[in-house]
């Protein structure tokens, strides 16, 4: 496996492309918008510069990594001769199903099709193709260049051979792959999202404030960041989408999103990426200032 395509140049897509390219793989980064590709490459360059400053890599490694990345706005040109495609587009079922239908028609018969989805059924995505045995989940964690875990999700039809190939590939990227089965939320978000949702409920019910809730979880439970800060970092729209997928999949009210979360997403208060969520990021991307509505 030598040539990789990554679909989507956003936060997860450019991070995945970065990691593959840094480990010597030729990467085609594909996005419908040239501006997104340019922004994605700028982010990769910035992150490589940070690694140089920390003496993790040198200039030669940075140059080699960037040289391994080609950019495409045309899907067919970007994926037709690749060995693996990793889809990291918007967390939307209809969009993903269309992408996988197109990939199935364009890619070589032996190409493995992976998705970075954080909650959507791998089995359902695989069913949109004529190669469900070659469809698998590769759920990287954000920020991709730093976080070690890759959640490897087997769909109902994913073959043992494909699973083993992707497990070994993940190790070659310096990651720790963990195999899980295909149920809503998989493992990471099935556990994480109810905690975040309960934290929002705790705020909504007036039990404690934003900083107090995050402080309890950081100092009491040794979490590196509080759940409300983490929700802002992930994106409140993404949190809502994952909770909705789990609620639809399990029909269990414990996964029902808190009304406060729903309202914040409708109001466009999505966290770091919108400049405001539970914290105000207008002056800093760090969670140092609680949003005015929660003071």
C-alpha atoms as a PDB file:
ATOM      1  CA  UNK A   1       0.000   0.000   0.000  1.00  0.00           C
ATOM      2  CA  UNK A   2       1.794   3.109  -1.254  1.00  0.00           C
ATOM      3  CA  UNK A   3      -0.682   5.664  -2.532  1.00  0.00           C
ATOM      4  CA  UNK A   4      -3.429   7.113  -0.352  1.00  0.00           C
ATOM      5  CA  UNK A   5      -6.300   9.495  -1.093  1.00  0.00           C
ATOM      6  CA  UNK A   6      -7.924  11.566   1.638  1.00  0.00           C
ATOM      7  CA  UNK A   7     -11.356  13.046   0.918  1.00  0.00           C
ATOM      8  CA  UNK A   8     -11.914  16.361   2.676  1.00  0.00           C
ATOM      9  CA  UNK A   9      -9.278  18.973   3.577  1.00  0.00           C
ATOM     10  CA  UNK A  10     -10.857  20.136   6.838  1.00  0.00           C
ATOM     11  CA  UNK A  11      -9.520  19.617  10.350  1.00  0.00           C
ATOM     12  CA  UNK A  12      -9.578  15.812  10.254  1.00  0.00           C
ATOM     13  CA  UNK A  13      -8.748  15.434   6.564  1.00  0.00           C
ATOM     14  CA  UNK A  14      -5.639  17.598   6.587  1.00  0.00           C
ATOM     15  CA  UNK A  15      -4.498  15.921   9.810  1.00  0.00           C
ATOM     16  CA  UNK A  16      -4.862  12.455   8.268  1.00  0.00           C
ATOM     17  CA  UNK A  17      -3.056  13.584   5.105  1.00  0.00           C
ATOM     18  CA  UNK A  18      -0.278  15.049   7.267  1.00  0.00           C
ATOM     19  CA  UNK A  19       0.280  11.787   9.149  1.00  0.00           C
ATOM     20  CA  UNK A  20       0.356   9.603   6.024  1.00  0.00           C
ATOM     21  CA  UNK A  21       2.669  12.009   4.169  1.00  0.00           C
ATOM     22  CA  UNK A  22       5.037  12.329   7.119  1.00  0.00           C
ATOM     23  CA  UNK A  23       5.355   8.555   7.176  1.00  0.00           C
ATOM     24  CA  UNK A  24       6.409   8.354   3.545  1.00  0.00           C
ATOM     25  CA  UNK A  25       3.102   7.685   1.770  1.00  0.00           C
ATOM     26  CA  UNK A  26       2.096   9.547  -1.373  1.00  0.00           C
ATOM     27  CA  UNK A  27      -1.137  11.354  -0.543  1.00  0.00           C
ATOM     28  CA  UNK A  28      -3.779  12.850  -2.808  1.00  0.00           C
ATOM     29  CA  UNK A  29      -5.772  15.381  -0.766  1.00  0.00           C
ATOM     30  CA  UNK A  30      -9.174  15.851  -2.403  1.00  0.00           C
ATOM     31  CA  UNK A  31     -11.752  18.567  -1.781  1.00  0.00           C
ATOM     32  CA  UNK A  32     -14.389  20.220  -3.962  1.00  0.00           C
ATOM     33  CA  UNK A  33     -13.065  23.690  -3.050  1.00  0.00           C
ATOM     34  CA  UNK A  34      -9.566  24.887  -3.923  1.00  0.00           C
ATOM     35  CA  UNK A  35      -9.741  27.337  -1.018  1.00  0.00           C
ATOM     36  CA  UNK A  36     -10.236  24.414   1.375  1.00  0.00           C
ATOM     37  CA  UNK A  37      -7.236  22.631  -0.122  1.00  0.00           C
ATOM     38  CA  UNK A  38      -5.097  25.745   0.244  1.00  0.00           C
ATOM     39  CA  UNK A  39      -6.225  26.222   3.835  1.00  0.00           C
ATOM     40  CA  UNK A  40      -5.616  22.540   4.596  1.00  0.00           C
ATOM     41  CA  UNK A  41      -2.064  22.653   3.226  1.00  0.00           C
ATOM     42  CA  UNK A  42      -1.395  25.853   5.184  1.00  0.00           C
ATOM     43  CA  UNK A  43      -2.500  24.075   8.357  1.00  0.00           C
ATOM     44  CA  UNK A  44      -0.223  21.122   7.632  1.00  0.00           C
ATOM     45  CA  UNK A  45       2.691  23.495   7.016  1.00  0.00           C
ATOM     46  CA  UNK A  46       1.977  25.358  10.273  1.00  0.00           C
ATOM     47  CA  UNK A  47       1.829  22.096  12.223  1.00  0.00           C
ATOM     48  CA  UNK A  48       5.110  20.907  10.683  1.00  0.00           C
ATOM     49  CA  UNK A  49       6.727  24.206  11.692  1.00  0.00           C
ATOM     50  CA  UNK A  50       5.538  23.605  15.257  1.00  0.00           C
ATOM     51  CA  UNK A  51       7.171  20.176  15.168  1.00  0.00           C
ATOM     52  CA  UNK A  52      10.427  21.751  13.972  1.00  0.00           C
ATOM     53  CA  UNK A  53      10.283  24.293  16.802  1.00  0.00           C
ATOM     54  CA  UNK A  54       9.897  21.406  19.269  1.00  0.00           C
ATOM     55  CA  UNK A  55      12.772  19.548  17.542  1.00  0.00           C
ATOM     56  CA  UNK A  56      10.519  16.599  16.693  1.00  0.00           C
ATOM     57  CA  UNK A  57      11.434  16.820  12.990  1.00  0.00           C
ATOM     58  CA  UNK A  58      13.877  18.861  10.885  1.00  0.00           C
ATOM     59  CA  UNK A  59      13.444  21.022   7.759  1.00  0.00           C
ATOM     60  CA  UNK A  60      14.279  18.108   5.474  1.00  0.00           C
ATOM     61  CA  UNK A  61      11.442  16.039   6.960  1.00  0.00           C
ATOM     62  CA  UNK A  62       9.046  18.956   6.553  1.00  0.00           C
ATOM     63  CA  UNK A  63      10.013  19.369   2.887  1.00  0.00           C
ATOM     64  CA  UNK A  64       9.662  15.631   2.241  1.00  0.00           C
ATOM     65  CA  UNK A  65       6.243  15.557   3.911  1.00  0.00           C
ATOM     66  CA  UNK A  66       4.907  18.462   1.854  1.00  0.00           C
ATOM     67  CA  UNK A  67       6.371  16.936  -1.335  1.00  0.00           C
ATOM     68  CA  UNK A  68       4.313  13.790  -0.671  1.00  0.00           C
ATOM     69  CA  UNK A  69       1.016  15.714  -0.850  1.00  0.00           C
ATOM     70  CA  UNK A  70      -0.801  16.462  -4.107  1.00  0.00           C
ATOM     71  CA  UNK A  71      -4.085  18.392  -4.193  1.00  0.00           C
ATOM     72  CA  UNK A  72      -7.150  17.668  -6.346  1.00  0.00           C
ATOM     73  CA  UNK A  73     -10.578  19.207  -6.757  1.00  0.00           C
ATOM     74  CA  UNK A  74     -11.702  16.417  -9.101  1.00  0.00           C
ATOM     75  CA  UNK A  75     -12.644  13.204  -7.302  1.00  0.00           C
ATOM     76  CA  UNK A  76     -11.853  10.893 -10.218  1.00  0.00           C
ATOM     77  CA  UNK A  77      -8.387  12.342 -10.748  1.00  0.00           C
ATOM     78  CA  UNK A  78      -7.663  12.160  -7.038  1.00  0.00           C
ATOM     79  CA  UNK A  79      -8.673   8.575  -6.263  1.00  0.00           C
ATOM     80  CA  UNK A  80      -8.543   6.486  -9.457  1.00  0.00           C
ATOM     81  CA  UNK A  81      -5.057   4.978  -8.904  1.00  0.00           C
ATOM     82  CA  UNK A  82      -4.912   4.776  -5.117  1.00  0.00           C
ATOM     83  CA  UNK A  83      -4.616   1.749  -2.824  1.00  0.00           C
ATOM     84  CA  UNK A  84      -6.602   3.238   0.045  1.00  0.00           C
ATOM     85  CA  UNK A  85      -9.138   6.051   0.255  1.00  0.00           C
ATOM     86  CA  UNK A  86      -9.883   7.630   3.630  1.00  0.00           C
ATOM     87  CA  UNK A  87     -13.060   9.715   3.576  1.00  0.00           C
ATOM     88  CA  UNK A  88     -13.096  12.617   6.045  1.00  0.00           C
ATOM     89  CA  UNK A  89     -15.941  14.714   4.682  1.00  0.00           C
ATOM     90  CA  UNK A  90     -18.795  16.312   6.600  1.00  0.00           C
ATOM     91  CA  UNK A  91     -20.490  14.056   9.176  1.00  0.00           C
ATOM     92  CA  UNK A  92     -23.629  13.712   7.069  1.00  0.00           C
ATOM     93  CA  UNK A  93     -25.045  10.337   6.058  1.00  0.00           C
ATOM     94  CA  UNK A  94     -26.365  11.358   2.630  1.00  0.00           C
ATOM     95  CA  UNK A  95     -23.068  13.013   1.682  1.00  0.00           C
ATOM     96  CA  UNK A  96     -21.067   9.990   2.783  1.00  0.00           C
ATOM     97  CA  UNK A  97     -23.293   7.511   0.946  1.00  0.00           C
ATOM     98  CA  UNK A  98     -22.946   9.518  -2.277  1.00  0.00           C
ATOM     99  CA  UNK A  99     -19.167   9.719  -1.894  1.00  0.00           C
ATOM    100  CA  UNK A 100     -18.891   5.964  -1.381  1.00  0.00           C
ATOM    101  CA  UNK A 101     -21.132   5.220  -4.364  1.00  0.00           C
ATOM    102  CA  UNK A 102     -18.830   7.379  -6.473  1.00  0.00           C
ATOM    103  CA  UNK A 103     -15.663   5.877  -5.004  1.00  0.00           C
ATOM    104  CA  UNK A 104     -16.921   2.370  -5.698  1.00  0.00           C
ATOM    105  CA  UNK A 105     -17.459   3.258  -9.360  1.00  0.00           C
ATOM    106  CA  UNK A 106     -14.114   5.049  -9.788  1.00  0.00           C
ATOM    107  CA  UNK A 107     -11.555   3.145  -7.707  1.00  0.00           C
ATOM    108  CA  UNK A 108      -9.698  -0.029  -8.607  1.00  0.00           C
ATOM    109  CA  UNK A 109     -11.447  -3.217  -7.500  1.00  0.00           C
ATOM    110  CA  UNK A 110      -8.756  -3.883  -4.886  1.00  0.00           C
ATOM    111  CA  UNK A 111      -8.840  -0.411  -3.333  1.00  0.00           C
ATOM    112  CA  UNK A 112      -9.864  -0.340   0.325  1.00  0.00           C
ATOM    113  CA  UNK A 113     -12.436   2.330   1.184  1.00  0.00           C
ATOM    114  CA  UNK A 114     -12.226   3.729   4.721  1.00  0.00           C
ATOM    115  CA  UNK A 115     -14.277   6.361   6.495  1.00  0.00           C
ATOM    116  CA  UNK A 116     -13.250   8.580   9.385  1.00  0.00           C
ATOM    117  CA  UNK A 117     -16.864   8.835  10.571  1.00  0.00           C
ATOM    118  CA  UNK A 118     -17.221   9.225  14.323  1.00  0.00           C
ATOM    119  CA  UNK A 119     -20.640   7.572  14.581  1.00  0.00           C
ATOM    120  CA  UNK A 120     -22.305   6.639  11.256  1.00  0.00           C
ATOM    121  CA  UNK A 121     -22.786   2.936  10.509  1.00  0.00           C
ATOM    122  CA  UNK A 122     -19.933   1.348   8.550  1.00  0.00           C
ATOM    123  CA  UNK A 123     -22.357  -1.383   7.481  1.00  0.00           C
ATOM    124  CA  UNK A 124     -24.712   1.185   5.977  1.00  0.00           C
ATOM    125  CA  UNK A 125     -21.879   2.960   4.188  1.00  0.00           C
ATOM    126  CA  UNK A 126     -20.545  -0.367   2.887  1.00  0.00           C
ATOM    127  CA  UNK A 127     -23.995  -1.294   1.578  1.00  0.00           C
ATOM    128  CA  UNK A 128     -23.800   1.715  -0.757  1.00  0.00           C
ATOM    129  CA  UNK A 129     -20.975  -0.085  -2.607  1.00  0.00           C
ATOM    130  CA  UNK A 130     -20.440  -3.361  -4.405  1.00  0.00           C
ATOM    131  CA  UNK A 131     -17.414  -4.054  -2.164  1.00  0.00           C
ATOM    132  CA  UNK A 132     -18.733  -3.983   1.438  1.00  0.00           C
ATOM    133  CA  UNK A 133     -16.004  -6.408   2.467  1.00  0.00           C
ATOM    134  CA  UNK A 134     -13.471  -3.684   1.607  1.00  0.00           C
ATOM    135  CA  UNK A 135     -15.222  -0.892   3.552  1.00  0.00           C
ATOM    136  CA  UNK A 136     -13.955  -0.124   7.052  1.00  0.00           C
ATOM    137  CA  UNK A 137     -13.913   2.642   9.650  1.00  0.00           C
ATOM    138  CA  UNK A 138     -10.667   4.457  10.516  1.00  0.00           C
ATOM    139  CA  UNK A 139     -11.717   6.869  13.256  1.00  0.00           C
ATOM    140  CA  UNK A 140      -8.709   9.086  13.948  1.00  0.00           C
ATOM    141  CA  UNK A 141      -8.720  11.375  16.985  1.00  0.00           C
ATOM    142  CA  UNK A 142      -8.259  15.146  16.854  1.00  0.00           C
ATOM    143  CA  UNK A 143      -5.564  16.520  16.580  1.00  0.00           C
ATOM    144  CA  UNK A 144      -4.537  13.673  14.286  1.00  0.00           C
ATOM    145  CA  UNK A 145      -0.749  14.282  14.256  1.00  0.00           C
ATOM    146  CA  UNK A 146      -0.654  14.083  18.076  1.00  0.00           C
ATOM    147  CA  UNK A 147      -3.325  11.617  19.206  1.00  0.00           C
ATOM    148  CA  UNK A 148      -2.224   7.970  19.152  1.00  0.00           C
ATOM    149  CA  UNK A 149      -5.569   6.164  18.930  1.00  0.00           C
ATOM    150  CA  UNK A 150      -7.217   4.991  15.736  1.00  0.00           C
ATOM    151  CA  UNK A 151     -10.555   3.286  16.295  1.00  0.00           C
ATOM    152  CA  UNK A 152     -10.816   0.560  13.642  1.00  0.00           C
ATOM    153  CA  UNK A 153     -14.479  -0.282  13.016  1.00  0.00           C
ATOM    154  CA  UNK A 154     -15.548  -3.456  11.253  1.00  0.00           C
ATOM    155  CA  UNK A 155     -18.790  -3.307   9.316  1.00  0.00           C
ATOM    156  CA  UNK A 156     -21.012  -6.373   9.162  1.00  0.00           C
ATOM    157  CA  UNK A 157     -19.302  -7.480   5.922  1.00  0.00           C
ATOM    158  CA  UNK A 158     -15.754  -6.144   6.447  1.00  0.00           C
ATOM    159  CA  UNK A 159     -13.286  -8.960   5.774  1.00  0.00           C
ATOM    160  CA  UNK A 160     -10.641 -10.238   8.180  1.00  0.00           C
ATOM    161  CA  UNK A 161      -7.976  -9.481   5.569  1.00  0.00           C
ATOM    162  CA  UNK A 162      -8.999  -5.841   5.206  1.00  0.00           C
ATOM    163  CA  UNK A 163      -9.232  -5.416   8.976  1.00  0.00           C
ATOM    164  CA  UNK A 164      -5.748  -6.830   9.484  1.00  0.00           C
ATOM    165  CA  UNK A 165      -4.345  -4.672   6.664  1.00  0.00           C
ATOM    166  CA  UNK A 166      -5.724  -1.480   8.205  1.00  0.00           C
ATOM    167  CA  UNK A 167      -4.615  -2.493  11.710  1.00  0.00           C
ATOM    168  CA  UNK A 168      -1.042  -3.000  10.482  1.00  0.00           C
ATOM    169  CA  UNK A 169      -1.120   0.184   8.418  1.00  0.00           C
ATOM    170  CA  UNK A 170      -2.188   2.180  11.475  1.00  0.00           C
ATOM    171  CA  UNK A 171       0.805   0.815  13.403  1.00  0.00           C
ATOM    172  CA  UNK A 172       3.116   1.927  10.589  1.00  0.00           C
ATOM    173  CA  UNK A 173       1.737   5.448  11.096  1.00  0.00           C
ATOM    174  CA  UNK A 174       2.870   5.298  14.720  1.00  0.00           C
ATOM    175  CA  UNK A 175      -0.702   4.918  15.942  1.00  0.00           C
ATOM    176  CA  UNK A 176      -2.324   2.435  18.297  1.00  0.00           C
ATOM    177  CA  UNK A 177      -5.235   0.769  16.478  1.00  0.00           C
ATOM    178  CA  UNK A 178      -8.123  -0.652  18.497  1.00  0.00           C
ATOM    179  CA  UNK A 179     -10.641  -2.927  16.779  1.00  0.00           C
ATOM    180  CA  UNK A 180     -14.326  -2.433  17.596  1.00  0.00           C
ATOM    181  CA  UNK A 181     -17.605  -3.562  16.097  1.00  0.00           C
ATOM    182  CA  UNK A 182     -20.146  -1.451  14.243  1.00  0.00           C
ATOM    183  CA  UNK A 183     -22.752  -0.078  16.641  1.00  0.00           C
ATOM    184  CA  UNK A 184     -23.869   3.561  17.014  1.00  0.00           C
ATOM    185  CA  UNK A 185     -21.094   5.724  18.458  1.00  0.00           C
ATOM    186  CA  UNK A 186     -18.659   2.779  18.350  1.00  0.00           C
ATOM    187  CA  UNK A 187     -16.685   2.908  21.666  1.00  0.00           C
ATOM    188  CA  UNK A 188     -15.148   6.385  21.855  1.00  0.00           C
ATOM    189  CA  UNK A 189     -18.279   8.430  21.292  1.00  0.00           C
ATOM    190  CA  UNK A 190     -20.677   5.965  22.898  1.00  0.00           C
ATOM    191  CA  UNK A 191     -18.896   6.740  26.166  1.00  0.00           C
ATOM    192  CA  UNK A 192     -17.732  10.319  25.535  1.00  0.00           C
ATOM    193  CA  UNK A 193     -20.893  11.917  24.142  1.00  0.00           C
ATOM    194  CA  UNK A 194     -23.231  10.928  27.009  1.00  0.00           C
ATOM    195  CA  UNK A 195     -20.663  12.435  29.398  1.00  0.00           C
ATOM    196  CA  UNK A 196     -20.585  15.685  27.413  1.00  0.00           C
ATOM    197  CA  UNK A 197     -24.379  15.696  27.139  1.00  0.00           C
ATOM    198  CA  UNK A 198     -24.751  15.134  30.907  1.00  0.00           C
ATOM    199  CA  UNK A 199     -22.308  17.985  31.534  1.00  0.00           C
ATOM    200  CA  UNK A 200     -24.491  20.259  29.410  1.00  0.00           C
ATOM    201  CA  UNK A 201     -27.576  19.024  31.313  1.00  0.00           C
ATOM    202  CA  UNK A 202     -25.782  19.841  34.581  1.00  0.00           C
ATOM    203  CA  UNK A 203     -25.214  23.400  33.341  1.00  0.00           C
ATOM    204  CA  UNK A 204     -28.776  23.606  31.944  1.00  0.00           C
ATOM    205  CA  UNK A 205     -30.240  22.559  35.305  1.00  0.00           C
ATOM    206  CA  UNK A 206     -28.223  25.179  37.187  1.00  0.00           C
ATOM    207  CA  UNK A 207     -26.236  22.713  39.259  1.00  0.00           C
ATOM    208  CA  UNK A 208     -22.963  24.537  38.544  1.00  0.00           C
ATOM    209  CA  UNK A 209     -21.361  26.963  36.106  1.00  0.00           C
ATOM    210  CA  UNK A 210     -19.165  26.289  33.079  1.00  0.00           C
ATOM    211  CA  UNK A 211     -15.820  26.688  34.838  1.00  0.00           C
ATOM    212  CA  UNK A 212     -17.004  24.787  37.905  1.00  0.00           C
ATOM    213  CA  UNK A 213     -18.126  21.770  35.874  1.00  0.00           C
ATOM    214  CA  UNK A 214     -14.879  21.688  33.902  1.00  0.00           C
ATOM    215  CA  UNK A 215     -12.784  22.144  37.049  1.00  0.00           C
ATOM    216  CA  UNK A 216     -14.452  19.195  38.780  1.00  0.00           C
ATOM    217  CA  UNK A 217     -13.713  16.903  35.836  1.00  0.00           C
ATOM    218  CA  UNK A 218     -10.157  18.147  35.346  1.00  0.00           C
ATOM    219  CA  UNK A 219      -9.030  18.104  38.954  1.00  0.00           C
ATOM    220  CA  UNK A 220     -11.318  15.383  40.269  1.00  0.00           C
ATOM    221  CA  UNK A 221     -11.158  12.930  37.370  1.00  0.00           C
ATOM    222  CA  UNK A 222      -7.743  13.872  35.900  1.00  0.00           C
ATOM    223  CA  UNK A 223      -9.194  14.766  32.509  1.00  0.00           C
ATOM    224  CA  UNK A 224      -6.816  16.962  30.454  1.00  0.00           C
ATOM    225  CA  UNK A 225      -9.685  19.309  29.614  1.00  0.00           C
ATOM    226  CA  UNK A 226     -13.198  19.718  30.965  1.00  0.00           C
ATOM    227  CA  UNK A 227     -16.169  18.250  29.055  1.00  0.00           C
ATOM    228  CA  UNK A 228     -17.613  21.649  28.101  1.00  0.00           C
ATOM    229  CA  UNK A 229     -14.254  22.847  26.802  1.00  0.00           C
ATOM    230  CA  UNK A 230     -13.897  19.561  24.937  1.00  0.00           C
ATOM    231  CA  UNK A 231     -17.357  19.992  23.395  1.00  0.00           C
ATOM    232  CA  UNK A 232     -16.293  23.425  22.148  1.00  0.00           C
ATOM    233  CA  UNK A 233     -13.110  21.910  20.716  1.00  0.00           C
ATOM    234  CA  UNK A 234     -14.968  19.098  18.926  1.00  0.00           C
ATOM    235  CA  UNK A 235     -17.729  21.429  17.696  1.00  0.00           C
ATOM    236  CA  UNK A 236     -21.180  21.523  19.263  1.00  0.00           C
ATOM    237  CA  UNK A 237     -22.755  20.711  15.884  1.00  0.00           C
ATOM    238  CA  UNK A 238     -20.661  17.542  15.692  1.00  0.00           C
ATOM    239  CA  UNK A 239     -21.619  16.589  19.254  1.00  0.00           C
ATOM    240  CA  UNK A 240     -25.293  17.080  18.395  1.00  0.00           C
ATOM    241  CA  UNK A 241     -24.979  15.034  15.205  1.00  0.00           C
ATOM    242  CA  UNK A 242     -23.345  12.116  17.035  1.00  0.00           C
ATOM    243  CA  UNK A 243     -25.945  12.149  19.814  1.00  0.00           C
ATOM    244  CA  UNK A 244     -28.726  12.140  17.211  1.00  0.00           C
ATOM    245  CA  UNK A 245     -27.139   9.143  15.458  1.00  0.00           C
ATOM    246  CA  UNK A 246     -26.963   7.245  18.744  1.00  0.00           C
ATOM    247  CA  UNK A 247     -30.499   8.227  19.745  1.00  0.00           C
ATOM    248  CA  UNK A 248     -31.822   7.099  16.362  1.00  0.00           C
ATOM    249  CA  UNK A 249     -29.807   3.880  16.552  1.00  0.00           C
ATOM    250  CA  UNK A 250     -30.661   2.824  20.095  1.00  0.00           C
ATOM    251  CA  UNK A 251     -34.006   4.604  20.650  1.00  0.00           C
ATOM    252  CA  UNK A 252     -32.820   5.110  24.221  1.00  0.00           C
ATOM    253  CA  UNK A 253     -33.681   8.461  25.868  1.00  0.00           C
ATOM    254  CA  UNK A 254     -30.305   8.585  27.616  1.00  0.00           C
ATOM    255  CA  UNK A 255     -28.812   9.622  24.259  1.00  0.00           C
ATOM    256  CA  UNK A 256     -31.355  12.405  23.655  1.00  0.00           C
ATOM    257  CA  UNK A 257     -29.489  15.725  23.211  1.00  0.00           C
ATOM    258  CA  UNK A 258     -29.911  18.363  25.915  1.00  0.00           C
ATOM    259  CA  UNK A 259     -32.209  21.227  24.770  1.00  0.00           C
ATOM    260  CA  UNK A 260     -29.430  23.704  25.576  1.00  0.00           C
ATOM    261  CA  UNK A 261     -27.113  21.960  23.114  1.00  0.00           C
ATOM    262  CA  UNK A 262     -29.820  21.999  20.434  1.00  0.00           C
ATOM    263  CA  UNK A 263     -30.464  25.720  20.953  1.00  0.00           C
ATOM    264  CA  UNK A 264     -26.783  26.622  20.881  1.00  0.00           C
ATOM    265  CA  UNK A 265     -26.292  24.826  17.574  1.00  0.00           C
ATOM    266  CA  UNK A 266     -29.378  26.519  16.074  1.00  0.00           C
ATOM    267  CA  UNK A 267     -27.965  29.865  17.239  1.00  0.00           C
ATOM    268  CA  UNK A 268     -24.632  29.157  15.554  1.00  0.00           C
ATOM    269  CA  UNK A 269     -22.690  28.950  18.827  1.00  0.00           C
ATOM    270  CA  UNK A 270     -20.586  25.977  17.780  1.00  0.00           C
ATOM    271  CA  UNK A 271     -17.485  26.387  19.924  1.00  0.00           C
ATOM    272  CA  UNK A 272     -13.950  27.224  18.830  1.00  0.00           C
ATOM    273  CA  UNK A 273     -14.714  27.213  15.098  1.00  0.00           C
ATOM    274  CA  UNK A 274     -17.487  29.821  15.418  1.00  0.00           C
ATOM    275  CA  UNK A 275     -15.691  31.902  18.051  1.00  0.00           C
ATOM    276  CA  UNK A 276     -18.128  31.121  20.841  1.00  0.00           C
ATOM    277  CA  UNK A 277     -19.642  28.143  22.609  1.00  0.00           C
ATOM    278  CA  UNK A 278     -19.475  27.577  26.329  1.00  0.00           C
ATOM    279  CA  UNK A 279     -16.404  29.791  26.214  1.00  0.00           C
ATOM    280  CA  UNK A 280     -15.661  33.002  24.302  1.00  0.00           C
ATOM    281  CA  UNK A 281     -12.823  32.597  21.781  1.00  0.00           C
ATOM    282  CA  UNK A 282     -12.923  36.110  20.322  1.00  0.00           C
ATOM    283  CA  UNK A 283      -9.569  36.987  21.889  1.00  0.00           C
ATOM    284  CA  UNK A 284      -7.947  33.573  22.288  1.00  0.00           C
ATOM    285  CA  UNK A 285      -8.473  30.008  21.102  1.00  0.00           C
ATOM    286  CA  UNK A 286      -7.903  28.903  24.692  1.00  0.00           C
ATOM    287  CA  UNK A 287     -10.861  28.356  27.008  1.00  0.00           C
ATOM    288  CA  UNK A 288     -10.033  31.278  29.274  1.00  0.00           C
ATOM    289  CA  UNK A 289     -13.218  33.341  29.155  1.00  0.00           C
ATOM    290  CA  UNK A 290     -16.713  31.953  29.798  1.00  0.00           C
ATOM    291  CA  UNK A 291     -19.357  33.067  27.261  1.00  0.00           C
ATOM    292  CA  UNK A 292     -21.427  36.019  28.457  1.00  0.00           C
ATOM    293  CA  UNK A 293     -24.672  34.021  28.479  1.00  0.00           C
ATOM    294  CA  UNK A 294     -23.289  31.647  31.145  1.00  0.00           C
ATOM    295  CA  UNK A 295     -21.882  34.285  33.518  1.00  0.00           C
END
